């Protein structure tokens, strides 16, 4: 039984991943090459999960068959949720190669949790959502978030409360703010990140953004 490594990688294209195989001896050089040179005209590859298994040729063929409808023709690229692939790979018997400092159990549990978050976020209908509140020492806060195809966009003109946090998400750090007003819309990957833009601190986006009827968006997650 041939033993080798099955791996999956993210790419610069959201939702497009690479699934491949290599030997344990060639794993590091293969990752080095892909991460620096790209693959099939796609750049920005980054290793995400890898496991050494028995019968790796047969298992890779099985993966190709399972995900064939999501495969880019004549490549090892797939339009897939990478956490779904990690759930499957981490359930195989074998030695985890990457990440090195997390157990297979922990990786599986994280992938399962991350997939559920994505499912919950997909339930939020496209449209506009609002924050309208008051902060002591600052005044009125008004923000608008537009949801389009799973992207959470904080609209230009939203209030941005000055932040005293030691850490800020990249979306807030790079936001163009003048006189506490957002000058350009900002794309975020979650309602909580969008909340950072307006509130300037960590938050539970599910319980701060409201729809046009005044309901918090948590109602969509509970259905």
N, C-alpha and C. Protein backbone atom coordinates (compact mmCIF):
# COMPACT_ATOMS: atom_id res chain seq x y z
N UNK A 1 0.84 -1.19 0.00
CA UNK A 1 0.00 0.00 0.00
C UNK A 1 0.88 1.24 0.00
N UNK A 2 0.74 2.08 -1.03
CA UNK A 2 1.55 3.29 -1.14
C UNK A 2 1.07 4.33 -0.15
N UNK A 3 2.03 4.92 0.55
CA UNK A 3 1.70 5.96 1.52
C UNK A 3 2.15 7.31 0.97
N UNK A 4 1.31 8.32 1.14
CA UNK A 4 1.64 9.65 0.66
C UNK A 4 0.76 10.70 1.32
N UNK A 5 0.92 11.94 0.90
CA UNK A 5 0.24 13.07 1.52
C UNK A 5 -0.87 13.61 0.62
N UNK A 6 -2.04 13.77 1.20
CA UNK A 6 -3.14 14.48 0.56
C UNK A 6 -3.21 15.85 1.20
N UNK A 7 -3.39 16.89 0.38
CA UNK A 7 -3.39 18.25 0.92
C UNK A 7 -4.44 19.11 0.24
N UNK A 8 -4.82 20.18 0.91
CA UNK A 8 -5.68 21.17 0.29
C UNK A 8 -5.11 22.56 0.59
N UNK A 9 -5.32 23.48 -0.35
CA UNK A 9 -4.75 24.82 -0.26
C UNK A 9 -5.80 25.85 -0.67
N UNK A 10 -5.74 27.01 -0.05
CA UNK A 10 -6.56 28.13 -0.51
C UNK A 10 -5.84 28.82 -1.67
N UNK A 11 -6.57 29.66 -2.40
CA UNK A 11 -5.98 30.44 -3.48
C UNK A 11 -6.41 31.89 -3.32
N UNK A 12 -5.89 32.75 -4.18
CA UNK A 12 -6.25 34.16 -4.13
C UNK A 12 -7.70 34.38 -4.53
N UNK A 13 -8.30 33.40 -5.18
CA UNK A 13 -9.69 33.49 -5.61
C UNK A 13 -10.59 32.92 -4.51
N UNK A 14 -11.44 33.73 -3.90
CA UNK A 14 -12.33 33.22 -2.84
C UNK A 14 -13.17 32.04 -3.32
N UNK A 15 -13.20 30.98 -2.53
CA UNK A 15 -14.01 29.82 -2.88
C UNK A 15 -13.36 28.85 -3.84
N UNK A 16 -12.16 29.18 -4.32
CA UNK A 16 -11.44 28.28 -5.23
C UNK A 16 -10.27 27.68 -4.49
N UNK A 17 -10.20 26.35 -4.41
CA UNK A 17 -9.15 25.68 -3.66
C UNK A 17 -8.43 24.66 -4.53
N UNK A 18 -7.29 24.22 -4.05
CA UNK A 18 -6.55 23.16 -4.73
C UNK A 18 -6.49 21.94 -3.83
N UNK A 19 -6.78 20.77 -4.40
CA UNK A 19 -6.62 19.50 -3.70
C UNK A 19 -5.59 18.70 -4.47
N UNK A 20 -4.60 18.18 -3.78
CA UNK A 20 -3.55 17.43 -4.48
C UNK A 20 -2.92 16.36 -3.62
N UNK A 21 -1.90 15.75 -4.18
CA UNK A 21 -1.17 14.69 -3.48
C UNK A 21 0.31 14.83 -3.76
N UNK A 22 1.12 14.29 -2.87
CA UNK A 22 2.56 14.25 -3.04
C UNK A 22 3.12 13.24 -2.06
N UNK A 23 4.39 12.95 -2.14
CA UNK A 23 5.00 12.07 -1.16
C UNK A 23 5.42 12.89 0.06
N UNK A 24 5.62 12.22 1.17
CA UNK A 24 6.04 12.92 2.38
C UNK A 24 7.39 13.60 2.16
N UNK A 25 8.27 12.94 1.42
CA UNK A 25 9.60 13.49 1.19
C UNK A 25 9.54 14.76 0.33
N UNK A 26 8.57 14.84 -0.57
CA UNK A 26 8.48 15.98 -1.48
C UNK A 26 7.49 17.05 -1.02
N UNK A 27 6.85 16.82 0.13
CA UNK A 27 5.79 17.73 0.57
C UNK A 27 6.27 19.18 0.69
N UNK A 28 7.34 19.42 1.42
CA UNK A 28 7.80 20.78 1.65
C UNK A 28 8.18 21.48 0.36
N UNK A 29 8.89 20.78 -0.52
CA UNK A 29 9.29 21.40 -1.79
C UNK A 29 8.09 21.67 -2.67
N UNK A 30 7.08 20.79 -2.61
CA UNK A 30 5.86 21.00 -3.39
C UNK A 30 5.11 22.23 -2.88
N UNK A 31 5.00 22.35 -1.57
CA UNK A 31 4.33 23.53 -1.01
C UNK A 31 5.10 24.80 -1.35
N UNK A 32 6.41 24.73 -1.25
CA UNK A 32 7.26 25.90 -1.57
C UNK A 32 7.00 26.35 -3.00
N UNK A 33 6.97 25.40 -3.92
CA UNK A 33 6.76 25.73 -5.33
C UNK A 33 5.38 26.32 -5.59
N UNK A 34 4.35 25.71 -5.03
CA UNK A 34 2.98 26.17 -5.26
C UNK A 34 2.73 27.53 -4.62
N UNK A 35 3.25 27.73 -3.42
CA UNK A 35 3.01 28.99 -2.72
C UNK A 35 3.75 30.16 -3.38
N UNK A 36 4.81 29.87 -4.09
CA UNK A 36 5.56 30.95 -4.74
C UNK A 36 5.25 31.09 -6.23
N UNK A 37 4.91 30.02 -6.87
CA UNK A 37 4.70 30.07 -8.32
C UNK A 37 3.24 29.95 -8.76
N UNK A 38 2.35 29.60 -7.83
CA UNK A 38 0.95 29.42 -8.20
C UNK A 38 0.71 28.12 -8.92
N UNK A 39 -0.50 27.99 -9.43
CA UNK A 39 -0.88 26.74 -10.13
C UNK A 39 -1.94 27.06 -11.17
N UNK A 40 -1.73 26.62 -12.38
CA UNK A 40 -2.70 26.77 -13.47
C UNK A 40 -3.22 28.22 -13.57
N UNK A 41 -2.27 29.16 -13.60
CA UNK A 41 -2.57 30.59 -13.73
C UNK A 41 -3.31 31.18 -12.52
N UNK A 42 -3.33 30.46 -11.42
CA UNK A 42 -3.94 30.96 -10.19
C UNK A 42 -2.83 31.18 -9.16
N UNK A 43 -2.81 32.38 -8.57
CA UNK A 43 -1.75 32.72 -7.62
C UNK A 43 -2.27 32.71 -6.18
N UNK A 44 -1.37 33.01 -5.26
CA UNK A 44 -1.75 33.17 -3.86
C UNK A 44 -2.12 31.88 -3.16
N UNK A 45 -1.55 30.75 -3.56
CA UNK A 45 -1.86 29.49 -2.89
C UNK A 45 -1.21 29.45 -1.50
N UNK A 46 -1.95 28.95 -0.53
CA UNK A 46 -1.44 28.79 0.83
C UNK A 46 -1.89 27.44 1.38
N UNK A 47 -0.96 26.73 1.99
CA UNK A 47 -1.30 25.43 2.56
C UNK A 47 -2.34 25.60 3.66
N UNK A 48 -3.27 24.64 3.74
CA UNK A 48 -4.37 24.75 4.70
C UNK A 48 -4.48 23.49 5.55
N UNK A 49 -4.36 22.33 4.90
CA UNK A 49 -4.41 21.07 5.65
C UNK A 49 -3.71 20.00 4.83
N UNK A 50 -3.01 19.08 5.54
CA UNK A 50 -2.34 17.98 4.86
C UNK A 50 -2.28 16.79 5.80
N UNK A 51 -2.44 15.59 5.24
CA UNK A 51 -2.42 14.38 6.05
C UNK A 51 -1.76 13.25 5.25
N UNK A 52 -0.93 12.47 5.93
CA UNK A 52 -0.27 11.32 5.30
C UNK A 52 -1.15 10.10 5.51
N UNK A 53 -1.50 9.42 4.41
CA UNK A 53 -2.42 8.29 4.48
C UNK A 53 -1.91 7.12 3.64
N UNK A 54 -2.43 5.95 3.92
CA UNK A 54 -2.20 4.78 3.08
C UNK A 54 -3.05 4.91 1.81
N UNK A 55 -2.60 4.29 0.74
CA UNK A 55 -3.36 4.28 -0.52
C UNK A 55 -3.73 5.70 -0.97
N UNK A 56 -2.75 6.58 -0.95
CA UNK A 56 -3.08 7.99 -1.23
C UNK A 56 -3.51 8.21 -2.66
N UNK A 57 -3.00 7.39 -3.61
CA UNK A 57 -3.45 7.52 -5.00
C UNK A 57 -4.94 7.23 -5.12
N UNK A 58 -5.36 6.12 -4.51
CA UNK A 58 -6.77 5.73 -4.57
C UNK A 58 -7.66 6.75 -3.85
N UNK A 59 -7.18 7.28 -2.74
CA UNK A 59 -7.98 8.25 -1.99
C UNK A 59 -8.10 9.57 -2.75
N UNK A 60 -7.05 9.97 -3.46
CA UNK A 60 -7.16 11.19 -4.26
C UNK A 60 -8.16 10.99 -5.39
N UNK A 61 -8.14 9.82 -6.01
CA UNK A 61 -9.12 9.51 -7.06
C UNK A 61 -10.53 9.57 -6.51
N UNK A 62 -10.71 9.05 -5.30
CA UNK A 62 -12.02 9.09 -4.67
C UNK A 62 -12.46 10.54 -4.45
N UNK A 63 -11.54 11.40 -3.97
CA UNK A 63 -11.86 12.80 -3.77
C UNK A 63 -12.27 13.47 -5.08
N UNK A 64 -11.55 13.17 -6.14
CA UNK A 64 -11.88 13.74 -7.45
C UNK A 64 -13.28 13.33 -7.89
N UNK A 65 -13.64 12.07 -7.61
CA UNK A 65 -14.96 11.59 -7.99
C UNK A 65 -16.05 12.25 -7.15
N UNK A 66 -15.81 12.37 -5.85
CA UNK A 66 -16.79 12.98 -4.95
C UNK A 66 -17.07 14.43 -5.34
N UNK A 67 -15.99 15.14 -5.66
CA UNK A 67 -16.12 16.58 -5.92
C UNK A 67 -16.05 16.92 -7.42
N UNK A 68 -16.31 15.94 -8.26
CA UNK A 68 -16.15 16.14 -9.71
C UNK A 68 -16.99 17.29 -10.26
N UNK A 69 -18.17 17.49 -9.72
CA UNK A 69 -19.04 18.55 -10.24
C UNK A 69 -18.52 19.95 -9.89
N UNK A 70 -17.60 20.01 -8.94
CA UNK A 70 -17.04 21.30 -8.53
C UNK A 70 -15.64 21.53 -9.08
N UNK A 71 -15.15 20.60 -9.89
CA UNK A 71 -13.76 20.67 -10.36
C UNK A 71 -13.64 21.52 -11.62
N UNK A 72 -12.60 22.35 -11.65
CA UNK A 72 -12.26 23.10 -12.86
C UNK A 72 -11.64 22.11 -13.84
N UNK A 73 -12.18 21.97 -15.05
CA UNK A 73 -11.71 20.94 -15.98
C UNK A 73 -10.19 20.94 -16.18
N UNK A 74 -9.63 19.74 -16.15
CA UNK A 74 -8.20 19.51 -16.42
C UNK A 74 -7.27 20.18 -15.41
N UNK A 75 -7.75 20.38 -14.20
CA UNK A 75 -6.92 20.96 -13.14
C UNK A 75 -7.20 20.25 -11.83
N UNK A 76 -6.45 20.63 -10.80
CA UNK A 76 -6.70 20.16 -9.43
C UNK A 76 -7.35 21.27 -8.61
N UNK A 77 -8.07 22.15 -9.28
CA UNK A 77 -8.77 23.25 -8.63
C UNK A 77 -10.25 22.92 -8.51
N UNK A 78 -10.84 23.33 -7.38
CA UNK A 78 -12.24 23.02 -7.10
C UNK A 78 -12.93 24.25 -6.52
N UNK A 79 -14.16 24.48 -6.93
CA UNK A 79 -14.98 25.54 -6.34
C UNK A 79 -15.72 24.92 -5.15
N UNK A 80 -15.05 24.94 -4.00
CA UNK A 80 -15.56 24.23 -2.82
C UNK A 80 -15.32 25.03 -1.56
N UNK A 81 -16.12 24.74 -0.55
CA UNK A 81 -15.86 25.23 0.81
C UNK A 81 -14.71 24.39 1.37
N UNK A 82 -13.59 25.03 1.65
CA UNK A 82 -12.42 24.28 2.07
C UNK A 82 -12.65 23.57 3.40
N UNK A 83 -13.52 24.10 4.24
CA UNK A 83 -13.78 23.44 5.52
C UNK A 83 -14.48 22.10 5.34
N UNK A 84 -15.27 21.97 4.28
CA UNK A 84 -15.88 20.68 3.96
C UNK A 84 -14.79 19.66 3.61
N UNK A 85 -13.81 20.08 2.83
CA UNK A 85 -12.72 19.19 2.45
C UNK A 85 -11.89 18.82 3.67
N UNK A 86 -11.64 19.77 4.55
CA UNK A 86 -10.87 19.49 5.77
C UNK A 86 -11.62 18.51 6.66
N UNK A 87 -12.93 18.66 6.75
CA UNK A 87 -13.71 17.70 7.53
C UNK A 87 -13.50 16.28 7.01
N UNK A 88 -13.50 16.11 5.70
CA UNK A 88 -13.33 14.79 5.11
C UNK A 88 -11.90 14.28 5.30
N UNK A 89 -10.91 15.11 4.97
CA UNK A 89 -9.52 14.66 5.07
C UNK A 89 -9.13 14.35 6.51
N UNK A 90 -9.58 15.16 7.44
CA UNK A 90 -9.19 14.94 8.85
C UNK A 90 -9.88 13.74 9.46
N UNK A 91 -10.88 13.19 8.76
CA UNK A 91 -11.54 11.98 9.25
C UNK A 91 -10.83 10.71 8.78
N UNK A 92 -9.85 10.85 7.87
CA UNK A 92 -9.07 9.69 7.40
C UNK A 92 -8.11 9.24 8.50
N UNK A 93 -7.81 7.94 8.51
CA UNK A 93 -6.73 7.43 9.35
C UNK A 93 -5.41 7.90 8.75
N UNK A 94 -4.53 8.40 9.58
CA UNK A 94 -3.23 8.86 9.09
C UNK A 94 -2.61 9.89 10.00
N UNK A 95 -1.41 10.32 9.63
CA UNK A 95 -0.67 11.29 10.43
C UNK A 95 -0.82 12.68 9.83
N UNK A 96 -1.32 13.61 10.63
CA UNK A 96 -1.49 14.97 10.17
C UNK A 96 -0.13 15.61 9.93
N UNK A 97 0.03 16.22 8.76
CA UNK A 97 1.28 16.87 8.39
C UNK A 97 1.19 18.38 8.61
N UNK A 98 0.02 18.95 8.30
CA UNK A 98 -0.20 20.38 8.50
C UNK A 98 -1.67 20.62 8.80
N UNK A 99 -1.96 21.49 9.79
CA UNK A 99 -1.04 22.24 10.64
C UNK A 99 -0.35 21.34 11.66
N UNK A 100 0.83 21.72 12.05
CA UNK A 100 1.65 20.86 12.89
C UNK A 100 1.29 20.92 14.36
N UNK A 101 0.73 22.04 14.82
CA UNK A 101 0.53 22.24 16.26
C UNK A 101 -0.92 22.05 16.69
N UNK A 102 -1.75 21.48 15.83
CA UNK A 102 -3.14 21.20 16.19
C UNK A 102 -3.45 19.74 15.93
N UNK A 103 -4.22 19.13 16.79
CA UNK A 103 -4.61 17.74 16.60
C UNK A 103 -5.66 17.62 15.51
N UNK A 104 -5.79 16.42 14.96
CA UNK A 104 -6.83 16.18 13.95
C UNK A 104 -8.21 16.46 14.52
N UNK A 105 -8.41 16.09 15.77
CA UNK A 105 -9.71 16.32 16.39
C UNK A 105 -10.03 17.81 16.45
N UNK A 106 -9.04 18.60 16.85
CA UNK A 106 -9.25 20.04 16.95
C UNK A 106 -9.49 20.65 15.57
N UNK A 107 -8.74 20.19 14.58
CA UNK A 107 -8.92 20.69 13.21
C UNK A 107 -10.31 20.35 12.71
N UNK A 108 -10.75 19.12 12.95
CA UNK A 108 -12.08 18.71 12.51
C UNK A 108 -13.16 19.55 13.18
N UNK A 109 -13.03 19.74 14.48
CA UNK A 109 -14.03 20.53 15.22
C UNK A 109 -14.08 21.97 14.73
N UNK A 110 -12.92 22.55 14.45
CA UNK A 110 -12.87 23.93 13.96
C UNK A 110 -13.52 24.02 12.57
N UNK A 111 -13.20 23.05 11.70
CA UNK A 111 -13.78 23.06 10.36
C UNK A 111 -15.30 22.93 10.43
N UNK A 112 -15.77 22.08 11.33
CA UNK A 112 -17.21 21.89 11.50
C UNK A 112 -17.88 23.18 11.98
N UNK A 113 -17.25 23.85 12.94
CA UNK A 113 -17.79 25.10 13.46
C UNK A 113 -17.78 26.18 12.39
N UNK A 114 -16.68 26.29 11.65
CA UNK A 114 -16.57 27.31 10.61
C UNK A 114 -17.59 27.08 9.50
N UNK A 115 -17.86 25.84 9.17
CA UNK A 115 -18.87 25.54 8.15
C UNK A 115 -20.26 25.97 8.61
N UNK A 116 -20.54 25.74 9.90
CA UNK A 116 -21.85 26.13 10.43
C UNK A 116 -22.02 27.65 10.40
N UNK A 117 -20.93 28.36 10.71
CA UNK A 117 -20.99 29.83 10.66
C UNK A 117 -21.32 30.28 9.24
N UNK A 118 -20.69 29.67 8.25
CA UNK A 118 -20.94 30.04 6.86
C UNK A 118 -22.39 29.74 6.46
N UNK A 119 -22.91 28.61 6.95
CA UNK A 119 -24.30 28.27 6.67
C UNK A 119 -25.23 29.32 7.28
N UNK A 120 -24.95 29.71 8.52
CA UNK A 120 -25.77 30.72 9.19
C UNK A 120 -25.73 32.05 8.44
N UNK A 121 -24.53 32.46 8.04
CA UNK A 121 -24.40 33.74 7.33
C UNK A 121 -25.14 33.73 6.01
N UNK A 122 -25.19 32.57 5.36
CA UNK A 122 -25.86 32.49 4.06
C UNK A 122 -27.37 32.66 4.18
N UNK A 123 -27.89 32.55 5.40
CA UNK A 123 -29.34 32.68 5.61
C UNK A 123 -29.80 34.14 5.67
N UNK A 124 -28.84 35.06 5.80
CA UNK A 124 -29.21 36.48 5.87
C UNK A 124 -29.57 36.96 4.47
N UNK A 125 -30.81 37.41 4.26
CA UNK A 125 -31.23 37.82 2.91
C UNK A 125 -30.47 39.06 2.43
N UNK A 126 -30.31 39.16 1.13
CA UNK A 126 -29.76 40.39 0.56
C UNK A 126 -30.67 41.56 0.93
N UNK A 127 -30.07 42.71 1.16
CA UNK A 127 -30.85 43.89 1.53
C UNK A 127 -30.06 44.79 2.45
N UNK A 128 -30.73 45.76 3.05
CA UNK A 128 -30.07 46.72 3.92
C UNK A 128 -30.46 46.51 5.38
N UNK A 129 -29.46 46.71 6.25
CA UNK A 129 -29.63 46.54 7.68
C UNK A 129 -29.01 47.74 8.39
N UNK A 130 -29.46 48.00 9.61
CA UNK A 130 -29.09 49.27 10.24
C UNK A 130 -28.68 49.11 11.69
N UNK A 131 -27.82 50.02 12.13
CA UNK A 131 -27.53 50.24 13.54
C UNK A 131 -27.96 51.67 13.85
N UNK A 132 -28.74 51.83 14.89
CA UNK A 132 -29.15 53.17 15.33
C UNK A 132 -29.16 53.16 16.85
N UNK A 133 -28.18 53.83 17.44
CA UNK A 133 -28.05 53.82 18.89
C UNK A 133 -27.35 55.09 19.34
N UNK A 134 -27.11 55.20 20.62
CA UNK A 134 -26.41 56.36 21.19
C UNK A 134 -25.32 55.87 22.14
N UNK A 135 -24.18 56.50 22.08
CA UNK A 135 -23.08 56.15 22.98
C UNK A 135 -22.76 57.34 23.86
N UNK A 136 -22.69 57.10 25.15
CA UNK A 136 -22.39 58.16 26.10
C UNK A 136 -21.01 58.76 25.80
N UNK A 137 -20.95 60.05 25.75
CA UNK A 137 -19.69 60.71 25.47
C UNK A 137 -19.40 60.86 23.99
N UNK A 138 -20.24 60.25 23.16
CA UNK A 138 -20.05 60.37 21.71
C UNK A 138 -21.28 60.97 21.04
N UNK A 139 -22.44 60.36 21.30
CA UNK A 139 -23.66 60.83 20.68
C UNK A 139 -24.33 59.78 19.83
N UNK A 140 -25.05 60.22 18.82
CA UNK A 140 -25.82 59.30 17.99
C UNK A 140 -24.91 58.50 17.04
N UNK A 141 -25.26 57.24 16.88
CA UNK A 141 -24.54 56.34 15.98
C UNK A 141 -25.54 55.79 14.96
N UNK A 142 -25.23 55.98 13.70
CA UNK A 142 -26.09 55.43 12.65
C UNK A 142 -25.21 54.77 11.59
N UNK A 143 -25.52 53.53 11.30
CA UNK A 143 -24.76 52.80 10.29
C UNK A 143 -25.67 51.97 9.43
N UNK A 144 -25.27 51.78 8.18
CA UNK A 144 -26.04 50.96 7.24
C UNK A 144 -25.13 49.89 6.66
N UNK A 145 -25.60 48.65 6.70
CA UNK A 145 -24.90 47.51 6.11
C UNK A 145 -25.75 46.94 4.98
N UNK A 146 -25.15 46.79 3.83
CA UNK A 146 -25.84 46.19 2.69
C UNK A 146 -25.30 44.79 2.45
N UNK A 147 -26.20 43.83 2.35
CA UNK A 147 -25.80 42.44 2.10
C UNK A 147 -26.03 42.11 0.63
N UNK A 148 -24.97 41.66 -0.02
CA UNK A 148 -25.05 41.28 -1.43
C UNK A 148 -24.28 39.99 -1.65
N UNK A 149 -24.99 38.91 -1.95
CA UNK A 149 -24.35 37.63 -2.28
C UNK A 149 -23.33 37.19 -1.23
N UNK A 150 -23.71 37.32 0.04
CA UNK A 150 -22.84 36.85 1.11
C UNK A 150 -21.75 37.82 1.52
N UNK A 151 -21.73 39.02 0.92
CA UNK A 151 -20.77 40.05 1.29
C UNK A 151 -21.49 41.10 2.13
N UNK A 152 -20.85 41.54 3.20
CA UNK A 152 -21.46 42.50 4.13
C UNK A 152 -20.76 43.85 3.94
N UNK A 153 -21.47 44.80 3.36
CA UNK A 153 -20.89 46.07 2.94
C UNK A 153 -21.40 47.20 3.82
N UNK A 154 -20.48 47.85 4.53
CA UNK A 154 -20.85 49.01 5.32
C UNK A 154 -20.86 50.21 4.38
N UNK A 155 -21.98 50.91 4.33
CA UNK A 155 -22.13 51.96 3.33
C UNK A 155 -21.48 53.27 3.74
N UNK A 156 -21.05 54.00 2.72
CA UNK A 156 -20.49 55.34 2.88
C UNK A 156 -21.49 56.22 3.64
N UNK A 157 -20.98 57.03 4.56
CA UNK A 157 -21.85 57.90 5.34
C UNK A 157 -22.20 57.35 6.70
N UNK A 158 -21.84 56.08 6.95
CA UNK A 158 -22.10 55.48 8.26
C UNK A 158 -21.20 56.13 9.32
N UNK A 159 -21.71 56.19 10.53
CA UNK A 159 -20.92 56.68 11.66
C UNK A 159 -19.81 55.68 11.99
N UNK A 160 -18.65 56.19 12.37
CA UNK A 160 -17.55 55.34 12.80
C UNK A 160 -17.03 55.88 14.14
N UNK A 161 -17.38 55.22 15.21
CA UNK A 161 -16.96 55.67 16.54
C UNK A 161 -15.45 55.46 16.69
N UNK A 162 -14.71 56.46 17.17
CA UNK A 162 -13.26 56.29 17.40
C UNK A 162 -12.99 55.06 18.27
N UNK A 163 -11.97 54.30 17.90
CA UNK A 163 -11.69 53.05 18.61
C UNK A 163 -10.51 53.20 19.56
N UNK A 164 -10.63 52.58 20.73
CA UNK A 164 -9.55 52.54 21.70
C UNK A 164 -9.00 51.11 21.83
N UNK A 165 -9.44 50.23 20.94
CA UNK A 165 -9.04 48.83 21.02
C UNK A 165 -7.58 48.65 20.64
N UNK A 166 -6.91 47.69 21.29
CA UNK A 166 -5.52 47.37 20.97
C UNK A 166 -5.42 46.65 19.63
N UNK A 167 -6.47 45.93 19.27
CA UNK A 167 -6.49 45.19 18.00
C UNK A 167 -7.69 45.61 17.18
N UNK A 168 -7.49 45.77 15.89
CA UNK A 168 -8.57 46.11 14.97
C UNK A 168 -8.52 45.18 13.77
N UNK A 169 -9.66 44.73 13.26
CA UNK A 169 -9.65 43.95 12.03
C UNK A 169 -9.16 44.81 10.87
N UNK A 170 -8.61 44.17 9.88
CA UNK A 170 -8.05 44.89 8.73
C UNK A 170 -9.08 45.81 8.09
N UNK A 171 -10.34 45.38 8.04
CA UNK A 171 -11.38 46.19 7.42
C UNK A 171 -11.52 47.54 8.12
N UNK A 172 -11.42 47.56 9.44
CA UNK A 172 -11.52 48.82 10.18
C UNK A 172 -10.22 49.62 10.05
N UNK A 173 -9.08 48.95 10.12
CA UNK A 173 -7.80 49.66 10.03
C UNK A 173 -7.65 50.40 8.71
N UNK A 174 -8.13 49.79 7.64
CA UNK A 174 -7.96 50.39 6.31
C UNK A 174 -9.13 51.28 5.90
N UNK A 175 -10.18 51.36 6.71
CA UNK A 175 -11.35 52.17 6.35
C UNK A 175 -10.97 53.66 6.32
N UNK A 176 -11.51 54.36 5.34
CA UNK A 176 -11.26 55.79 5.22
C UNK A 176 -12.35 56.53 5.99
N UNK A 177 -11.94 57.16 7.10
CA UNK A 177 -12.87 57.81 8.02
C UNK A 177 -12.45 59.26 8.21
N UNK A 178 -13.40 60.16 8.09
CA UNK A 178 -13.12 61.59 8.29
C UNK A 178 -14.22 62.19 9.15
N UNK A 179 -13.81 62.82 10.24
CA UNK A 179 -14.78 63.41 11.16
C UNK A 179 -15.81 62.37 11.61
N UNK A 180 -15.34 61.15 11.87
CA UNK A 180 -16.16 60.04 12.36
C UNK A 180 -17.20 59.57 11.35
N UNK A 181 -17.00 59.87 10.08
CA UNK A 181 -17.92 59.43 9.03
C UNK A 181 -17.15 58.62 7.98
N UNK A 182 -17.69 57.47 7.60
CA UNK A 182 -17.07 56.61 6.61
C UNK A 182 -17.15 57.26 5.23
N UNK A 183 -15.99 57.38 4.57
CA UNK A 183 -15.93 58.09 3.29
C UNK A 183 -16.12 57.18 2.08
N UNK A 184 -15.87 55.90 2.24
CA UNK A 184 -16.05 54.92 1.17
C UNK A 184 -16.62 53.64 1.77
N UNK A 185 -17.44 52.93 1.00
CA UNK A 185 -18.01 51.69 1.53
C UNK A 185 -16.91 50.65 1.75
N UNK A 186 -17.14 49.78 2.73
CA UNK A 186 -16.15 48.78 3.11
C UNK A 186 -16.79 47.39 3.07
N UNK A 187 -16.15 46.47 2.39
CA UNK A 187 -16.62 45.09 2.33
C UNK A 187 -16.09 44.30 3.52
N UNK A 188 -16.97 43.53 4.15
CA UNK A 188 -16.61 42.72 5.31
C UNK A 188 -17.06 41.28 5.08
N UNK A 189 -16.49 40.36 5.86
CA UNK A 189 -16.85 38.95 5.70
C UNK A 189 -17.87 38.47 6.72
N UNK A 190 -18.33 39.37 7.59
CA UNK A 190 -19.33 38.97 8.58
C UNK A 190 -20.01 40.21 9.15
N UNK A 191 -21.20 40.04 9.74
CA UNK A 191 -21.87 41.18 10.39
C UNK A 191 -21.07 41.74 11.56
N UNK A 192 -20.31 40.89 12.24
CA UNK A 192 -19.52 41.36 13.37
C UNK A 192 -18.37 42.25 12.91
N UNK A 193 -17.73 41.89 11.81
CA UNK A 193 -16.69 42.75 11.25
C UNK A 193 -17.29 44.07 10.80
N UNK A 194 -18.47 44.00 10.19
CA UNK A 194 -19.17 45.23 9.80
C UNK A 194 -19.48 46.08 11.03
N UNK A 195 -19.81 45.43 12.14
CA UNK A 195 -20.07 46.14 13.38
C UNK A 195 -18.84 46.87 13.89
N UNK A 196 -17.65 46.27 13.67
CA UNK A 196 -16.41 46.92 14.06
C UNK A 196 -16.26 48.27 13.34
N UNK A 197 -16.64 48.33 12.08
CA UNK A 197 -16.49 49.56 11.30
C UNK A 197 -17.25 50.69 11.97
N UNK A 198 -18.47 50.39 12.41
CA UNK A 198 -19.34 51.42 12.98
C UNK A 198 -19.04 51.67 14.46
N UNK A 199 -18.95 50.62 15.24
CA UNK A 199 -18.86 50.75 16.70
C UNK A 199 -17.44 50.94 17.21
N UNK A 200 -16.46 50.44 16.46
CA UNK A 200 -15.07 50.58 16.88
C UNK A 200 -14.64 49.63 17.96
N UNK A 201 -15.43 48.57 18.20
CA UNK A 201 -15.04 47.57 19.20
C UNK A 201 -15.66 46.22 18.84
N UNK A 202 -15.21 45.18 19.53
CA UNK A 202 -15.74 43.84 19.26
C UNK A 202 -17.22 43.80 19.58
N UNK A 203 -17.94 42.94 18.87
CA UNK A 203 -19.40 42.92 19.00
C UNK A 203 -19.93 41.61 18.45
N UNK A 204 -21.19 41.34 18.76
CA UNK A 204 -21.90 40.21 18.17
C UNK A 204 -22.82 40.78 17.09
N UNK A 205 -22.36 40.66 15.86
CA UNK A 205 -23.11 41.26 14.76
C UNK A 205 -24.55 40.81 14.64
N UNK A 206 -24.83 39.59 15.13
CA UNK A 206 -26.19 39.06 15.05
C UNK A 206 -27.17 39.87 15.90
N UNK A 207 -26.66 40.54 16.91
CA UNK A 207 -27.56 41.25 17.83
C UNK A 207 -27.40 42.76 17.80
N UNK A 208 -26.73 43.27 16.75
CA UNK A 208 -26.63 44.74 16.63
C UNK A 208 -27.24 45.27 15.33
N UNK A 209 -27.25 44.45 14.28
CA UNK A 209 -27.82 44.89 13.00
C UNK A 209 -29.29 44.51 12.94
N UNK A 210 -30.11 45.45 12.50
CA UNK A 210 -31.56 45.23 12.40
C UNK A 210 -32.04 45.38 10.96
N UNK A 211 -33.08 44.60 10.63
CA UNK A 211 -33.67 44.72 9.31
C UNK A 211 -34.64 45.90 9.28
N UNK A 212 -35.31 46.08 8.16
CA UNK A 212 -36.20 47.24 8.00
C UNK A 212 -37.38 47.20 8.97
N UNK A 213 -37.70 46.01 9.50
CA UNK A 213 -38.80 45.88 10.45
C UNK A 213 -38.33 46.05 11.90
N UNK A 214 -37.03 46.33 12.08
CA UNK A 214 -36.51 46.51 13.42
C UNK A 214 -36.13 45.23 14.13
N UNK A 215 -36.08 44.11 13.39
CA UNK A 215 -35.71 42.83 14.00
C UNK A 215 -34.21 42.61 13.86
N UNK A 216 -33.59 42.11 14.92
CA UNK A 216 -32.17 41.78 14.84
C UNK A 216 -31.97 40.60 13.89
N UNK A 217 -30.86 40.60 13.19
CA UNK A 217 -30.65 39.57 12.15
C UNK A 217 -30.48 38.17 12.73
N UNK A 218 -30.41 38.05 14.04
CA UNK A 218 -30.36 36.73 14.67
C UNK A 218 -31.60 35.90 14.34
N UNK A 219 -32.69 36.56 13.94
CA UNK A 219 -33.91 35.80 13.59
C UNK A 219 -33.67 34.88 12.41
N UNK A 220 -32.74 35.23 11.52
CA UNK A 220 -32.47 34.38 10.36
C UNK A 220 -31.68 33.15 10.75
N UNK A 221 -30.82 33.29 11.73
CA UNK A 221 -30.02 32.15 12.19
C UNK A 221 -30.88 31.14 12.93
N UNK A 222 -31.95 31.58 13.57
CA UNK A 222 -32.77 30.69 14.38
C UNK A 222 -33.78 29.89 13.56
N UNK A 223 -33.95 30.24 12.29
CA UNK A 223 -34.93 29.52 11.48
C UNK A 223 -34.41 28.17 11.05
